[in-house]
Amino acid sequence: MSISVLHILPSLELGGAERVTIELAHIQRQEGLDAQILSLGKQQDFLVAAVESRDIPLQLCSAGGTRLGRYKRIANHFKRFDVLHIHSPRGLRYIAPIIPFFAGKTIIYTRHGLDPLDSPYYSFIHKMMRPFIDYVTFVTSSGYDVFQQNHHWNEAKMRVVTNGVYVPDSPAPEPAKPLRFASVGRMVRLKGQPNLLSAISQ
């Protein structure tokens, strides 16, 4: 039986976490999982086309009607999935009121950045959600450290899964021209451009 995974995003506007989520869902589907995306954003969001081009089923629960009605629509989507994977503190903040109703499911929360989220509001949200989240994952060790310093979760629930490149089984063909490398990201330490330059020089 295929495992069903619902990836939850606050929107599909352009961003690194959104791109990672789309690629993860795409690869999971190639591996035989029933991976889908639920966005709390709009049909007009920039990356909706990228989701559709990869044939990833997309559910949109954009704002409209009453908040209670929106929660009912979101909860109806949650019911049929084995794993709920939340990719944003904004997403966690919004769906926090209904998370306790799905404690029987595997719930994963991924922190993609280094924001300490140490405001009283986010500290409260993370404290309240701690019993219901099975794993919190991080794309960098520094993200793990910042989160643990501010929220003090049980380390048994925490995992670092560094960003990487999916390498298919079949070898890539030899390029006809010299390889060219590009880096897309803000010119800040977090993005690690010095690591790229060091690797290329080797």
Protein backbone atom coordinates (compact mmCIF):
# COMPACT_ATOMS: atom_id res chain seq x y z
CA MET A 1 0.00 0.00 0.00
CA SER A 2 1.37 3.41 -0.98
CA ILE A 3 2.01 5.93 1.78
CA SER A 4 0.08 9.15 1.27
CA VAL A 5 1.81 12.43 2.14
CA LEU A 6 0.28 15.90 2.17
CA HIS A 7 2.78 18.78 2.04
CA ILE A 8 1.33 21.95 3.59
CA LEU A 9 2.48 25.43 2.55
CA PRO A 10 1.10 28.87 3.46
CA SER A 11 1.37 29.86 -0.21
CA LEU A 12 3.09 28.99 -3.48
CA GLU A 13 4.81 32.32 -3.86
CA LEU A 14 8.44 32.21 -5.03
CA GLY A 15 10.80 30.98 -2.32
CA GLY A 16 13.38 28.35 -1.48
CA ALA A 17 11.17 26.35 0.89
CA GLU A 18 8.42 26.24 -1.72
CA ARG A 19 10.83 25.01 -4.42
CA VAL A 20 12.21 22.32 -2.10
CA THR A 21 8.69 21.17 -1.28
CA ILE A 22 7.71 20.90 -4.94
CA GLU A 23 10.84 18.91 -5.82
CA LEU A 24 10.37 16.65 -2.79
CA ALA A 25 6.75 15.88 -3.71
CA HIS A 26 7.79 15.25 -7.33
CA ILE A 27 10.49 12.76 -6.32
CA GLN A 28 8.20 11.05 -3.81
CA ARG A 29 5.65 10.49 -6.55
CA GLN A 30 8.37 9.03 -8.78
CA GLU A 31 9.21 6.67 -5.89
CA GLY A 32 5.59 5.47 -5.71
CA LEU A 33 4.23 7.58 -2.85
CA ASP A 34 0.94 9.42 -3.11
CA ALA A 35 2.41 12.87 -2.48
CA GLN A 36 0.23 15.96 -2.85
CA ILE A 37 0.45 19.64 -1.90
CA LEU A 38 -2.02 21.77 0.00
CA SER A 39 -1.51 25.51 -0.29
CA LEU A 40 -3.26 28.14 1.80
CA GLY A 41 -2.49 30.64 -0.95
CA LYS A 42 -4.11 31.56 -4.24
CA GLN A 43 -4.42 30.09 -7.72
CA GLN A 44 -2.44 33.09 -8.99
CA ASP A 45 0.63 32.31 -6.84
CA PHE A 46 3.85 32.20 -8.84
CA LEU A 47 4.72 28.51 -8.31
CA VAL A 48 1.27 27.01 -8.96
CA ALA A 49 2.35 26.45 -12.58
CA ALA A 50 5.48 24.57 -11.41
CA VAL A 51 3.32 22.20 -9.35
CA GLU A 52 0.93 21.60 -12.23
CA SER A 53 3.76 21.03 -14.73
CA ARG A 54 5.01 18.14 -12.57
CA ASP A 55 1.54 16.58 -12.32
CA ILE A 56 1.49 16.93 -8.54
CA PRO A 57 -2.11 17.03 -7.26
CA LEU A 58 -2.70 20.44 -5.70
CA GLN A 59 -5.37 21.44 -3.22
CA LEU A 60 -5.96 25.17 -2.69
CA CYS A 61 -7.59 26.42 0.50
CA SER A 62 -7.32 30.14 -0.05
CA ALA A 63 -8.98 32.64 2.24
CA GLY A 64 -12.69 33.06 1.76
CA GLY A 65 -15.84 32.60 3.75
CA THR A 66 -15.56 32.10 7.48
CA ARG A 67 -12.43 30.86 9.23
CA LEU A 68 -14.43 27.91 10.59
CA GLY A 69 -15.46 27.00 7.04
CA ARG A 70 -11.86 27.17 5.89
CA TYR A 71 -10.77 24.92 8.76
CA LYS A 72 -13.43 22.39 7.74
CA ARG A 73 -12.11 22.35 4.17
CA ILE A 74 -8.54 21.88 5.37
CA ALA A 75 -9.56 19.13 7.81
CA ASN A 76 -11.36 17.26 5.02
CA HIS A 77 -8.12 17.20 3.03
CA PHE A 78 -6.12 16.01 6.04
CA LYS A 79 -8.37 12.98 6.66
CA ARG A 80 -7.17 10.88 3.74
CA PHE A 81 -3.41 11.21 4.27
CA ASP A 82 -1.05 9.12 6.40
CA VAL A 83 1.57 11.87 6.77
CA LEU A 84 1.05 15.62 7.19
CA HIS A 85 4.25 17.53 6.38
CA ILE A 86 4.18 21.20 7.41
CA HIS A 87 6.86 23.32 5.71
CA SER A 88 6.49 26.70 7.37
CA PRO A 89 5.96 28.29 10.78
CA ARG A 90 3.24 30.41 9.15
CA GLY A 91 1.49 27.24 8.04
CA LEU A 92 1.88 25.69 11.50
CA ARG A 93 0.53 28.85 13.12
CA TYR A 94 -2.58 28.83 10.95
CA ILE A 95 -3.51 25.15 11.24
CA ALA A 96 -2.52 24.80 14.92
CA PRO A 97 -6.17 24.78 16.15
CA ILE A 98 -7.00 21.64 14.15
CA ILE A 99 -3.72 19.72 14.53
CA PRO A 100 -4.81 18.04 17.82
CA PHE A 101 -7.67 16.35 15.94
CA PHE A 102 -5.13 14.49 13.77
CA ALA A 103 -2.82 13.16 16.48
CA GLY A 104 -3.16 9.64 15.05
CA LYS A 105 -1.33 10.67 11.88
CA THR A 106 2.41 11.13 11.41
CA ILE A 107 3.06 14.86 11.54
CA ILE A 108 6.37 16.34 10.36
CA TYR A 109 7.36 19.98 10.68
CA THR A 110 10.30 21.25 8.62
CA ARG A 111 12.18 24.43 9.49
CA HIS A 112 13.81 25.74 6.31
CA GLY A 113 15.47 28.85 7.73
CA LEU A 114 17.34 30.31 10.70
CA ASP A 115 14.67 32.62 12.12
CA PRO A 116 14.69 31.95 15.88
CA LEU A 117 10.91 32.46 16.11
CA ASP A 118 11.45 33.61 19.68
CA SER A 119 8.53 36.02 19.97
CA PRO A 120 6.06 35.17 22.76
CA TYR A 121 3.47 34.24 20.15
CA TYR A 122 5.65 31.74 18.25
CA SER A 123 7.11 30.41 21.51
CA PHE A 124 3.54 29.63 22.63
CA ILE A 125 2.64 27.99 19.29
CA HIS A 126 5.71 25.73 19.38
CA LYS A 127 5.08 24.79 22.99
CA MET A 128 1.45 23.87 22.30
CA MET A 129 2.28 21.87 19.14
CA ARG A 130 5.19 19.91 20.63
CA PRO A 131 3.04 16.94 21.81
CA PHE A 132 1.40 16.52 18.40
CA ILE A 133 4.42 16.72 16.07
CA ASP A 134 6.31 13.46 15.58
CA TYR A 135 9.43 14.92 13.96
CA VAL A 136 10.83 18.36 13.33
CA THR A 137 13.41 18.41 10.54
CA PHE A 138 15.98 21.00 9.52
CA VAL A 139 17.83 21.61 6.27
CA THR A 140 20.98 22.79 8.11
CA SER A 141 22.71 21.98 11.39
CA SER A 142 22.68 25.67 12.25
CA GLY A 143 18.88 25.68 11.86
CA TYR A 144 18.73 22.77 14.32
CA ASP A 145 20.91 24.65 16.82
CA VAL A 146 18.88 27.87 16.63
CA PHE A 147 15.59 26.01 17.08
CA GLN A 148 16.84 23.96 20.02
CA GLN A 149 18.27 27.01 21.79
CA ASN A 150 14.90 28.76 21.59
CA HIS A 151 12.35 25.95 21.92
CA HIS A 152 14.09 23.07 23.76
CA TRP A 153 12.38 20.14 22.07
CA ASN A 154 13.23 16.52 22.80
CA GLU A 155 16.21 15.71 20.58
CA ALA A 156 14.68 12.32 19.74
CA LYS A 157 12.14 14.21 17.64
CA MET A 158 14.71 16.32 15.77
CA ARG A 159 16.53 15.44 12.55
CA VAL A 160 18.84 17.29 10.15
CA VAL A 161 18.21 16.43 6.48
CA THR A 162 20.53 18.65 4.49
CA ASN A 163 19.50 19.97 1.10
CA GLY A 164 20.92 17.96 -1.75
CA VAL A 165 20.56 17.12 -5.40
CA TYR A 166 18.56 14.09 -6.50
CA VAL A 167 20.79 11.83 -8.61
CA PRO A 168 18.89 9.35 -10.80
CA ASP A 169 20.14 5.79 -11.31
CA SER A 170 20.91 6.33 -15.00
CA PRO A 171 24.14 8.26 -15.64
CA ALA A 172 23.91 11.72 -17.15
CA PRO A 173 25.18 12.03 -20.73
CA GLU A 174 28.53 13.69 -21.30
CA PRO A 175 27.99 17.40 -21.99
CA ALA A 176 28.72 18.60 -25.50
CA LYS A 177 30.16 21.86 -24.16
CA PRO A 178 32.13 22.79 -21.06
CA LEU A 179 30.04 22.69 -17.90
CA ARG A 180 28.77 25.98 -16.53
CA PHE A 181 27.70 26.43 -12.91
CA ALA A 182 25.19 28.90 -11.55
CA SER A 183 24.17 29.84 -8.04
CA VAL A 184 20.74 31.33 -7.37
CA GLY A 185 20.30 32.84 -3.93
CA ARG A 186 20.85 35.87 -1.76
CA MET A 187 24.50 36.85 -1.25
CA VAL A 188 24.48 36.06 2.47
CA ARG A 189 26.47 33.59 4.58
CA LEU A 190 23.45 31.30 4.98
CA LYS A 191 23.46 30.53 1.24
CA GLY A 192 27.06 29.26 1.34
CA GLN A 193 28.46 30.69 -1.90
CA PRO A 194 32.04 30.34 -0.50
CA ASN A 195 31.40 26.59 -0.21
CA LEU A 196 30.43 26.48 -3.89
CA LEU A 197 33.56 28.37 -4.93
CA SER A 198 35.74 26.09 -2.80
CA ALA A 199 34.14 22.96 -4.26
CA ILE A 200 34.54 24.15 -7.86
CA SER A 201 38.18 25.05 -7.27
CA GLN A 202 38.81 21.45 -6.20
